[in-house]
């Protein structure tokens, strides 16, 4: 397919709450293919529709591809039904905040439901990096950036580093 430009913070399109996908149309299939191509090229492990200028509730991810084979997931109208009780804090990057790594605390397990490109509904428990990646991408669909998940001191430092970067 084709690569799409990735919006970077503080683009206003990154703070919009996205609308549900009504139907799996040829345009949605093209968007998904473009998003996967863009994600792998970046190279990232997840990419949400608003990051490429589409305010739709859809993201793609391939949480393990850097460690092995590509196993892309297209998640349409995803929703987290349950979050595990164990939380971890770790470095979290974002293609829309190049060069920035925020220390974000998230549950290590989530139960998520989504529809794939074949119209099949998945209800699965994600763990480890897949759970963290899904939460990060779902945040994008709600207009939330990693900068919104940290305290004001860390946020100010991250913004300063981001603005000083070449």
N, C-alpha and C. Protein backbone atom coordinates (compact mmCIF):
# COMPACT_ATOMS: atom_id res chain seq x y z
N UNK A 1 0.84 -1.17 0.00
CA UNK A 1 0.00 0.00 0.00
C UNK A 1 0.88 1.23 0.00
N UNK A 2 0.60 2.18 0.90
CA UNK A 2 1.42 3.39 0.91
C UNK A 2 1.66 3.86 2.34
N UNK A 3 2.73 4.62 2.47
CA UNK A 3 3.08 5.18 3.77
C UNK A 3 2.31 6.48 3.95
N UNK A 4 1.89 6.72 5.18
CA UNK A 4 1.19 7.96 5.51
C UNK A 4 2.04 8.76 6.49
N UNK A 5 1.97 10.09 6.39
CA UNK A 5 2.70 10.90 7.36
C UNK A 5 2.13 10.71 8.76
N UNK A 6 3.02 10.66 9.74
CA UNK A 6 2.61 10.52 11.14
C UNK A 6 2.56 11.90 11.77
N UNK A 7 1.41 12.25 12.33
CA UNK A 7 1.26 13.53 13.01
C UNK A 7 2.09 13.53 14.28
N UNK A 8 2.70 14.66 14.59
CA UNK A 8 3.48 14.76 15.82
C UNK A 8 2.85 15.81 16.74
N UNK A 9 3.06 15.60 18.02
CA UNK A 9 2.58 16.50 19.06
C UNK A 9 3.21 17.86 18.86
N UNK A 10 2.50 18.94 18.96
CA UNK A 10 1.17 19.14 19.54
C UNK A 10 0.04 19.26 18.52
N UNK A 11 0.10 18.53 17.43
CA UNK A 11 -0.96 18.61 16.41
C UNK A 11 -2.32 18.42 17.08
N UNK A 12 -3.29 19.31 16.79
CA UNK A 12 -4.60 19.22 17.46
C UNK A 12 -5.36 17.93 17.15
N UNK A 13 -5.08 17.28 16.04
CA UNK A 13 -5.75 16.04 15.71
C UNK A 13 -5.43 14.90 16.67
N UNK A 14 -4.36 15.06 17.45
CA UNK A 14 -3.98 14.02 18.40
C UNK A 14 -4.74 14.12 19.72
N UNK A 15 -5.54 15.17 19.88
CA UNK A 15 -6.29 15.33 21.13
C UNK A 15 -7.80 15.16 20.92
N UNK A 16 -8.17 14.57 19.79
CA UNK A 16 -9.58 14.37 19.46
C UNK A 16 -10.04 12.97 19.88
N UNK A 17 -11.24 12.89 20.44
CA UNK A 17 -11.85 11.58 20.72
C UNK A 17 -12.42 11.07 19.40
N UNK A 18 -12.01 9.89 19.01
CA UNK A 18 -12.36 9.34 17.70
C UNK A 18 -13.77 8.75 17.67
N UNK A 19 -14.32 8.67 16.46
CA UNK A 19 -15.66 8.12 16.26
C UNK A 19 -15.56 6.65 15.84
N UNK A 20 -16.56 5.86 16.19
CA UNK A 20 -16.53 4.44 15.81
C UNK A 20 -16.53 4.24 14.30
N UNK A 21 -15.95 3.13 13.90
CA UNK A 21 -15.98 2.71 12.50
C UNK A 21 -17.35 2.06 12.28
N UNK A 22 -18.08 2.56 11.27
CA UNK A 22 -19.43 2.06 11.01
C UNK A 22 -19.44 0.72 10.28
N UNK A 23 -18.54 0.58 9.31
CA UNK A 23 -18.51 -0.63 8.49
C UNK A 23 -17.10 -0.88 8.00
N UNK A 24 -16.81 -2.13 7.74
CA UNK A 24 -15.50 -2.48 7.20
C UNK A 24 -15.58 -2.36 5.69
N UNK A 25 -15.26 -1.19 5.22
CA UNK A 25 -15.35 -0.83 3.81
C UNK A 25 -13.99 -0.98 3.14
N UNK A 26 -13.94 -0.88 1.81
CA UNK A 26 -12.64 -0.86 1.13
C UNK A 26 -11.73 0.25 1.66
N UNK A 27 -12.30 1.40 2.01
CA UNK A 27 -11.49 2.50 2.54
C UNK A 27 -10.86 2.13 3.89
N UNK A 28 -11.59 1.39 4.72
CA UNK A 28 -11.05 0.94 6.02
C UNK A 28 -9.95 -0.09 5.79
N UNK A 29 -10.14 -0.98 4.82
CA UNK A 29 -9.11 -1.97 4.51
C UNK A 29 -7.83 -1.29 4.01
N UNK A 30 -8.00 -0.27 3.17
CA UNK A 30 -6.84 0.48 2.67
C UNK A 30 -6.15 1.21 3.81
N UNK A 31 -6.95 1.85 4.67
CA UNK A 31 -6.38 2.54 5.83
C UNK A 31 -5.58 1.57 6.69
N UNK A 32 -6.13 0.39 6.96
CA UNK A 32 -5.43 -0.60 7.79
C UNK A 32 -4.10 -1.01 7.14
N UNK A 33 -4.12 -1.28 5.85
CA UNK A 33 -2.88 -1.68 5.15
C UNK A 33 -1.86 -0.54 5.18
N UNK A 34 -2.32 0.68 4.94
CA UNK A 34 -1.42 1.84 4.99
C UNK A 34 -0.84 2.02 6.39
N UNK A 35 -1.68 1.85 7.41
CA UNK A 35 -1.22 2.01 8.78
C UNK A 35 -0.17 0.95 9.14
N UNK A 36 -0.39 -0.29 8.70
CA UNK A 36 0.60 -1.33 8.98
C UNK A 36 1.92 -1.02 8.27
N UNK A 37 1.85 -0.63 7.00
CA UNK A 37 3.07 -0.26 6.28
C UNK A 37 3.79 0.89 6.98
N UNK A 38 3.03 1.88 7.41
CA UNK A 38 3.61 3.05 8.08
C UNK A 38 4.22 2.65 9.41
N UNK A 39 3.53 1.82 10.17
CA UNK A 39 4.03 1.37 11.48
C UNK A 39 5.35 0.62 11.33
N UNK A 40 5.38 -0.34 10.41
CA UNK A 40 6.61 -1.12 10.23
C UNK A 40 7.76 -0.26 9.71
N UNK A 41 7.44 0.71 8.86
CA UNK A 41 8.47 1.58 8.30
C UNK A 41 9.04 2.53 9.35
N UNK A 42 8.25 2.89 10.36
CA UNK A 42 8.61 3.96 11.31
C UNK A 42 9.90 3.74 12.11
N UNK A 43 10.32 2.67 12.63
CA UNK A 43 9.62 1.42 12.89
C UNK A 43 8.97 1.44 14.28
N UNK A 44 7.69 1.14 14.32
CA UNK A 44 6.98 1.11 15.59
C UNK A 44 6.30 -0.22 15.80
N UNK A 45 5.65 -0.34 16.94
CA UNK A 45 4.92 -1.57 17.26
C UNK A 45 3.42 -1.35 17.34
N UNK A 46 3.01 -0.10 17.19
CA UNK A 46 1.59 0.22 17.20
C UNK A 46 1.38 1.57 16.54
N UNK A 47 0.19 1.76 15.98
CA UNK A 47 -0.14 3.03 15.33
C UNK A 47 -1.66 3.16 15.34
N UNK A 48 -2.13 4.30 15.80
CA UNK A 48 -3.57 4.55 15.86
C UNK A 48 -3.99 5.47 14.72
N UNK A 49 -5.22 5.32 14.28
CA UNK A 49 -5.74 6.10 13.15
C UNK A 49 -5.53 7.61 13.30
N UNK A 50 -5.75 8.19 14.48
CA UNK A 50 -5.55 9.64 14.57
C UNK A 50 -4.10 10.07 14.33
N UNK A 51 -3.16 9.17 14.52
CA UNK A 51 -1.76 9.49 14.28
C UNK A 51 -1.47 9.70 12.79
N UNK A 52 -2.37 9.21 11.94
CA UNK A 52 -2.23 9.44 10.49
C UNK A 52 -3.38 10.32 9.98
N UNK A 53 -4.00 11.05 10.91
CA UNK A 53 -4.99 12.03 10.52
C UNK A 53 -6.41 11.54 10.34
N UNK A 54 -6.70 10.32 10.77
CA UNK A 54 -8.05 9.75 10.64
C UNK A 54 -8.66 9.62 12.04
N UNK A 55 -9.74 10.29 12.30
CA UNK A 55 -10.33 10.26 13.64
C UNK A 55 -11.34 9.11 13.77
N UNK A 56 -10.83 7.92 13.58
CA UNK A 56 -11.63 6.70 13.66
C UNK A 56 -11.10 5.81 14.78
N UNK A 57 -11.98 5.04 15.41
CA UNK A 57 -11.60 4.15 16.51
C UNK A 57 -10.99 2.87 15.92
N UNK A 58 -9.74 2.99 15.59
CA UNK A 58 -9.04 1.87 14.95
C UNK A 58 -7.55 2.03 15.21
N UNK A 59 -6.89 0.91 15.51
CA UNK A 59 -5.44 0.93 15.58
C UNK A 59 -4.88 -0.38 15.07
N UNK A 60 -3.60 -0.34 14.75
CA UNK A 60 -2.89 -1.56 14.36
C UNK A 60 -1.74 -1.74 15.33
N UNK A 61 -1.35 -2.99 15.51
CA UNK A 61 -0.18 -3.25 16.33
C UNK A 61 0.44 -4.58 15.95
N UNK A 62 1.72 -4.64 16.22
CA UNK A 62 2.51 -5.85 16.04
C UNK A 62 3.51 -5.88 17.17
N UNK A 63 3.04 -6.19 18.39
CA UNK A 63 3.89 -6.01 19.57
C UNK A 63 5.17 -6.84 19.58
N UNK A 64 5.20 -7.96 18.87
CA UNK A 64 6.39 -8.81 18.94
C UNK A 64 7.25 -8.85 17.70
N UNK A 65 6.93 -8.05 16.69
CA UNK A 65 7.62 -8.19 15.40
C UNK A 65 9.10 -7.87 15.46
N UNK A 66 9.52 -7.04 16.38
CA UNK A 66 10.95 -6.71 16.44
C UNK A 66 11.76 -7.87 17.03
N UNK A 67 11.06 -8.80 17.69
CA UNK A 67 11.72 -9.96 18.29
C UNK A 67 11.47 -11.25 17.50
N UNK A 68 10.69 -11.18 16.44
CA UNK A 68 10.36 -12.39 15.69
C UNK A 68 9.54 -12.07 14.47
N UNK A 69 8.68 -12.98 14.11
CA UNK A 69 7.86 -12.83 12.92
C UNK A 69 6.79 -11.75 13.11
N UNK A 70 6.36 -11.17 12.01
CA UNK A 70 5.30 -10.18 12.04
C UNK A 70 3.96 -10.87 12.26
N UNK A 71 3.25 -10.43 13.27
CA UNK A 71 1.90 -10.93 13.56
C UNK A 71 1.00 -9.72 13.75
N UNK A 72 0.67 -9.04 12.64
CA UNK A 72 -0.09 -7.80 12.75
C UNK A 72 -1.52 -8.01 13.24
N UNK A 73 -1.96 -7.05 14.03
CA UNK A 73 -3.34 -7.04 14.50
C UNK A 73 -3.98 -5.74 14.04
N UNK A 74 -5.19 -5.83 13.51
CA UNK A 74 -5.98 -4.65 13.18
C UNK A 74 -7.16 -4.66 14.15
N UNK A 75 -7.23 -3.62 14.96
CA UNK A 75 -8.25 -3.55 16.02
C UNK A 75 -9.22 -2.42 15.71
N UNK A 76 -10.43 -2.80 15.35
CA UNK A 76 -11.48 -1.85 14.99
C UNK A 76 -12.46 -1.75 16.16
N UNK A 77 -12.77 -0.53 16.55
CA UNK A 77 -13.67 -0.25 17.68
C UNK A 77 -13.27 -1.04 18.93
N UNK A 78 -11.99 -0.95 19.31
CA UNK A 78 -11.54 -1.70 20.49
C UNK A 78 -12.08 -1.10 21.78
N UNK A 79 -12.20 -1.95 22.79
CA UNK A 79 -12.61 -1.50 24.11
C UNK A 79 -11.97 -2.40 25.14
N UNK A 80 -11.46 -1.81 26.19
CA UNK A 80 -10.90 -2.60 27.29
C UNK A 80 -12.01 -2.88 28.28
N UNK A 81 -12.27 -4.17 28.51
CA UNK A 81 -13.35 -4.59 29.40
C UNK A 81 -12.88 -4.75 30.83
N UNK A 82 -11.59 -5.07 31.00
CA UNK A 82 -11.07 -5.31 32.35
C UNK A 82 -9.58 -5.04 32.36
N UNK A 83 -9.10 -4.49 33.46
CA UNK A 83 -7.68 -4.22 33.63
C UNK A 83 -7.19 -5.02 34.83
N UNK A 84 -6.03 -5.64 34.68
CA UNK A 84 -5.46 -6.42 35.77
C UNK A 84 -5.06 -5.55 36.95
N UNK A 85 -4.83 -6.21 38.07
CA UNK A 85 -4.48 -5.50 39.30
C UNK A 85 -3.00 -5.18 39.40
N UNK A 86 -2.16 -5.90 38.67
CA UNK A 86 -0.71 -5.66 38.73
C UNK A 86 -0.35 -4.57 37.74
N UNK A 87 0.37 -3.56 38.22
CA UNK A 87 0.80 -2.44 37.39
C UNK A 87 2.32 -2.39 37.34
N UNK A 88 2.85 -1.93 36.23
CA UNK A 88 4.29 -1.72 36.09
C UNK A 88 4.53 -0.35 35.49
N UNK A 89 5.64 0.24 35.88
CA UNK A 89 6.07 1.50 35.30
C UNK A 89 7.24 1.21 34.39
N UNK A 90 7.18 1.74 33.17
CA UNK A 90 8.27 1.50 32.23
C UNK A 90 8.34 2.59 31.18
N UNK A 91 9.44 2.61 30.46
CA UNK A 91 9.64 3.58 29.40
C UNK A 91 8.70 3.31 28.25
N UNK A 92 8.02 4.35 27.82
CA UNK A 92 7.03 4.23 26.75
C UNK A 92 7.30 5.30 25.70
N UNK A 93 7.58 4.85 24.49
CA UNK A 93 7.79 5.77 23.38
C UNK A 93 6.53 5.92 22.57
N UNK A 94 6.55 6.89 21.65
CA UNK A 94 5.38 7.14 20.81
C UNK A 94 5.87 7.72 19.49
N UNK A 95 5.33 7.20 18.38
CA UNK A 95 5.71 7.70 17.06
C UNK A 95 5.31 9.16 16.87
N UNK A 96 4.35 9.64 17.64
CA UNK A 96 3.93 11.04 17.56
C UNK A 96 4.72 11.95 18.50
N UNK A 97 5.62 11.36 19.27
CA UNK A 97 6.53 12.10 20.14
C UNK A 97 7.94 11.55 19.93
N UNK A 98 8.49 11.70 18.73
CA UNK A 98 9.79 11.07 18.45
C UNK A 98 10.87 11.55 19.41
N UNK A 99 11.65 10.58 19.88
CA UNK A 99 12.76 10.88 20.78
C UNK A 99 12.38 11.02 22.24
N UNK A 100 11.10 10.86 22.56
CA UNK A 100 10.63 11.02 23.94
C UNK A 100 10.27 9.65 24.51
N UNK A 101 10.79 9.39 25.71
CA UNK A 101 10.42 8.17 26.44
C UNK A 101 9.87 8.59 27.79
N UNK A 102 8.60 8.34 27.99
CA UNK A 102 7.93 8.70 29.25
C UNK A 102 7.85 7.48 30.15
N UNK A 103 7.96 7.68 31.44
CA UNK A 103 7.79 6.61 32.42
C UNK A 103 6.30 6.56 32.78
N UNK A 104 5.60 5.56 32.22
CA UNK A 104 4.15 5.44 32.37
C UNK A 104 3.82 4.18 33.15
N UNK A 105 2.86 4.29 34.05
CA UNK A 105 2.40 3.15 34.84
C UNK A 105 1.09 2.64 34.24
N UNK A 106 1.08 1.33 33.93
CA UNK A 106 -0.11 0.72 33.33
C UNK A 106 -0.29 -0.71 33.88
N UNK A 107 -1.53 -1.22 33.81
CA UNK A 107 -1.75 -2.63 34.15
C UNK A 107 -1.00 -3.54 33.16
N UNK A 108 -0.50 -4.66 33.64
CA UNK A 108 0.25 -5.58 32.79
C UNK A 108 -0.65 -6.56 32.05
N UNK A 109 -1.94 -6.55 32.39
CA UNK A 109 -2.91 -7.44 31.75
C UNK A 109 -4.19 -6.66 31.49
N UNK A 110 -4.76 -6.85 30.29
CA UNK A 110 -6.07 -6.26 29.98
C UNK A 110 -6.90 -7.27 29.20
N UNK A 111 -8.18 -7.18 29.38
CA UNK A 111 -9.12 -7.94 28.55
C UNK A 111 -9.72 -6.95 27.57
N UNK A 112 -9.50 -7.21 26.29
CA UNK A 112 -9.93 -6.27 25.26
C UNK A 112 -10.82 -6.98 24.24
N UNK A 113 -11.80 -6.23 23.75
CA UNK A 113 -12.66 -6.72 22.68
C UNK A 113 -12.47 -5.79 21.49
N UNK A 114 -12.43 -6.36 20.28
CA UNK A 114 -12.30 -5.59 19.06
C UNK A 114 -12.80 -6.42 17.89
N UNK A 115 -13.00 -5.74 16.78
CA UNK A 115 -13.40 -6.39 15.54
C UNK A 115 -12.21 -6.34 14.58
N UNK A 116 -12.00 -7.43 13.84
CA UNK A 116 -10.91 -7.45 12.86
C UNK A 116 -11.46 -7.13 11.46
N UNK A 117 -10.58 -7.15 10.47
CA UNK A 117 -10.99 -6.79 9.10
C UNK A 117 -11.96 -7.78 8.47
N UNK A 118 -12.07 -8.99 9.04
CA UNK A 118 -13.02 -9.97 8.53
C UNK A 118 -14.38 -9.85 9.23
N UNK A 119 -14.50 -8.87 10.13
CA UNK A 119 -15.74 -8.69 10.85
C UNK A 119 -15.89 -9.59 12.07
N UNK A 120 -14.82 -10.34 12.40
CA UNK A 120 -14.86 -11.23 13.56
C UNK A 120 -14.59 -10.43 14.82
N UNK A 121 -15.37 -10.71 15.86
CA UNK A 121 -15.19 -10.05 17.14
C UNK A 121 -14.26 -10.90 17.99
N UNK A 122 -13.22 -10.27 18.52
CA UNK A 122 -12.26 -10.94 19.40
C UNK A 122 -12.47 -10.43 20.82
N UNK A 123 -12.39 -11.33 21.77
CA UNK A 123 -12.45 -10.99 23.19
C UNK A 123 -11.29 -11.76 23.81
N UNK A 124 -10.19 -11.05 24.04
CA UNK A 124 -8.97 -11.74 24.47
C UNK A 124 -8.32 -11.01 25.63
N UNK A 125 -7.58 -11.77 26.41
CA UNK A 125 -6.75 -11.20 27.46
C UNK A 125 -5.35 -11.02 26.89
N UNK A 126 -4.87 -9.80 26.94
CA UNK A 126 -3.53 -9.47 26.48
C UNK A 126 -2.63 -9.28 27.69
N UNK A 127 -1.40 -9.73 27.57
CA UNK A 127 -0.46 -9.61 28.68
C UNK A 127 0.85 -9.00 28.20
N UNK A 128 1.64 -8.57 29.16
CA UNK A 128 2.97 -8.06 28.86
C UNK A 128 2.94 -6.87 27.91
N UNK A 129 3.88 -6.88 26.95
CA UNK A 129 4.00 -5.75 26.05
C UNK A 129 2.75 -5.56 25.18
N UNK A 130 2.10 -6.64 24.80
CA UNK A 130 0.87 -6.52 24.00
C UNK A 130 -0.19 -5.73 24.77
N UNK A 131 -0.31 -5.97 26.08
CA UNK A 131 -1.28 -5.23 26.90
C UNK A 131 -0.90 -3.76 26.98
N UNK A 132 0.39 -3.48 27.17
CA UNK A 132 0.85 -2.10 27.26
C UNK A 132 0.63 -1.37 25.94
N UNK A 133 0.95 -2.03 24.84
CA UNK A 133 0.80 -1.44 23.51
C UNK A 133 -0.67 -1.14 23.22
N UNK A 134 -1.54 -2.08 23.52
CA UNK A 134 -2.98 -1.87 23.27
C UNK A 134 -3.51 -0.69 24.08
N UNK A 135 -3.09 -0.58 25.33
CA UNK A 135 -3.55 0.55 26.16
C UNK A 135 -3.05 1.88 25.60
N UNK A 136 -1.80 1.90 25.14
CA UNK A 136 -1.22 3.12 24.56
C UNK A 136 -2.00 3.53 23.31
N UNK A 137 -2.27 2.57 22.43
CA UNK A 137 -2.98 2.89 21.18
C UNK A 137 -4.43 3.28 21.46
N UNK A 138 -5.06 2.61 22.41
CA UNK A 138 -6.44 2.97 22.76
C UNK A 138 -6.50 4.38 23.35
N UNK A 139 -5.46 4.77 24.09
CA UNK A 139 -5.38 6.15 24.58
C UNK A 139 -5.47 7.14 23.42
N UNK A 140 -4.75 6.86 22.33
CA UNK A 140 -4.79 7.74 21.17
C UNK A 140 -6.22 7.93 20.65
N UNK A 141 -7.02 6.87 20.71
CA UNK A 141 -8.39 6.95 20.21
C UNK A 141 -9.26 7.84 21.10
N UNK A 142 -8.79 8.06 22.33
CA UNK A 142 -9.49 8.93 23.26
C UNK A 142 -8.82 10.30 23.39
N UNK A 143 -7.87 10.59 22.49
CA UNK A 143 -7.20 11.88 22.50
C UNK A 143 -6.18 12.05 23.61
N UNK A 144 -5.67 10.94 24.13
CA UNK A 144 -4.73 10.96 25.25
C UNK A 144 -3.34 10.60 24.76
N UNK A 145 -2.37 11.43 25.11
CA UNK A 145 -0.96 11.18 24.78
C UNK A 145 -0.23 10.72 26.04
N UNK A 146 0.96 10.13 25.86
CA UNK A 146 1.74 9.70 27.03
C UNK A 146 2.02 10.88 27.95
N UNK A 147 2.15 12.09 27.39
CA UNK A 147 2.37 13.27 28.22
C UNK A 147 1.23 13.50 29.20
N UNK A 148 0.04 13.00 28.86
CA UNK A 148 -1.12 13.14 29.74
C UNK A 148 -1.14 12.09 30.84
N UNK A 149 -0.24 11.11 30.76
CA UNK A 149 -0.20 10.01 31.72
C UNK A 149 0.90 10.16 32.77
N UNK A 150 1.61 11.30 32.75
CA UNK A 150 2.71 11.49 33.69
C UNK A 150 2.44 12.71 34.56
N UNK A 151 3.20 12.84 35.66
CA UNK A 151 3.01 13.99 36.54
C UNK A 151 3.55 15.26 35.87
N UNK A 152 3.22 16.39 36.44
CA UNK A 152 3.56 17.67 35.82
C UNK A 152 5.06 17.90 35.72
N UNK A 153 5.84 17.39 36.67
CA UNK A 153 7.29 17.56 36.62
C UNK A 153 7.88 16.78 35.44
N UNK A 154 7.48 15.51 35.31
CA UNK A 154 7.98 14.70 34.20
C UNK A 154 7.49 15.27 32.86
N UNK A 155 6.25 15.72 32.83
CA UNK A 155 5.70 16.29 31.60
C UNK A 155 6.53 17.50 31.15
N UNK A 156 6.81 18.40 32.06
CA UNK A 156 7.57 19.60 31.73
C UNK A 156 8.96 19.23 31.20
N UNK A 157 9.61 18.26 31.83
CA UNK A 157 10.95 17.82 31.40
C UNK A 157 10.89 17.18 30.01
N UNK A 158 9.87 16.35 29.78
CA UNK A 158 9.73 15.69 28.48
C UNK A 158 9.46 16.69 27.37
N UNK A 159 8.60 17.67 27.65
CA UNK A 159 8.30 18.70 26.64
C UNK A 159 9.56 19.51 26.34
N UNK A 160 10.31 19.85 27.36
CA UNK A 160 11.56 20.61 27.16
C UNK A 160 12.53 19.82 26.28
N UNK A 161 12.69 18.52 26.57
CA UNK A 161 13.58 17.67 25.77
C UNK A 161 13.08 17.58 24.33
N UNK A 162 11.79 17.42 24.17
CA UNK A 162 11.17 17.30 22.84
C UNK A 162 11.39 18.57 22.03
N UNK A 163 11.19 19.70 22.66
CA UNK A 163 11.34 20.98 21.95
C UNK A 163 12.79 21.30 21.61
N UNK A 164 13.73 20.74 22.37
CA UNK A 164 15.15 20.98 22.12
C UNK A 164 15.72 20.02 21.08
N UNK A 165 15.02 18.92 20.84
CA UNK A 165 15.52 17.90 19.89
C UNK A 165 15.56 18.47 18.47
N UNK A 166 16.54 17.99 17.69
CA UNK A 166 16.65 18.48 16.30
C UNK A 166 15.50 18.07 15.42
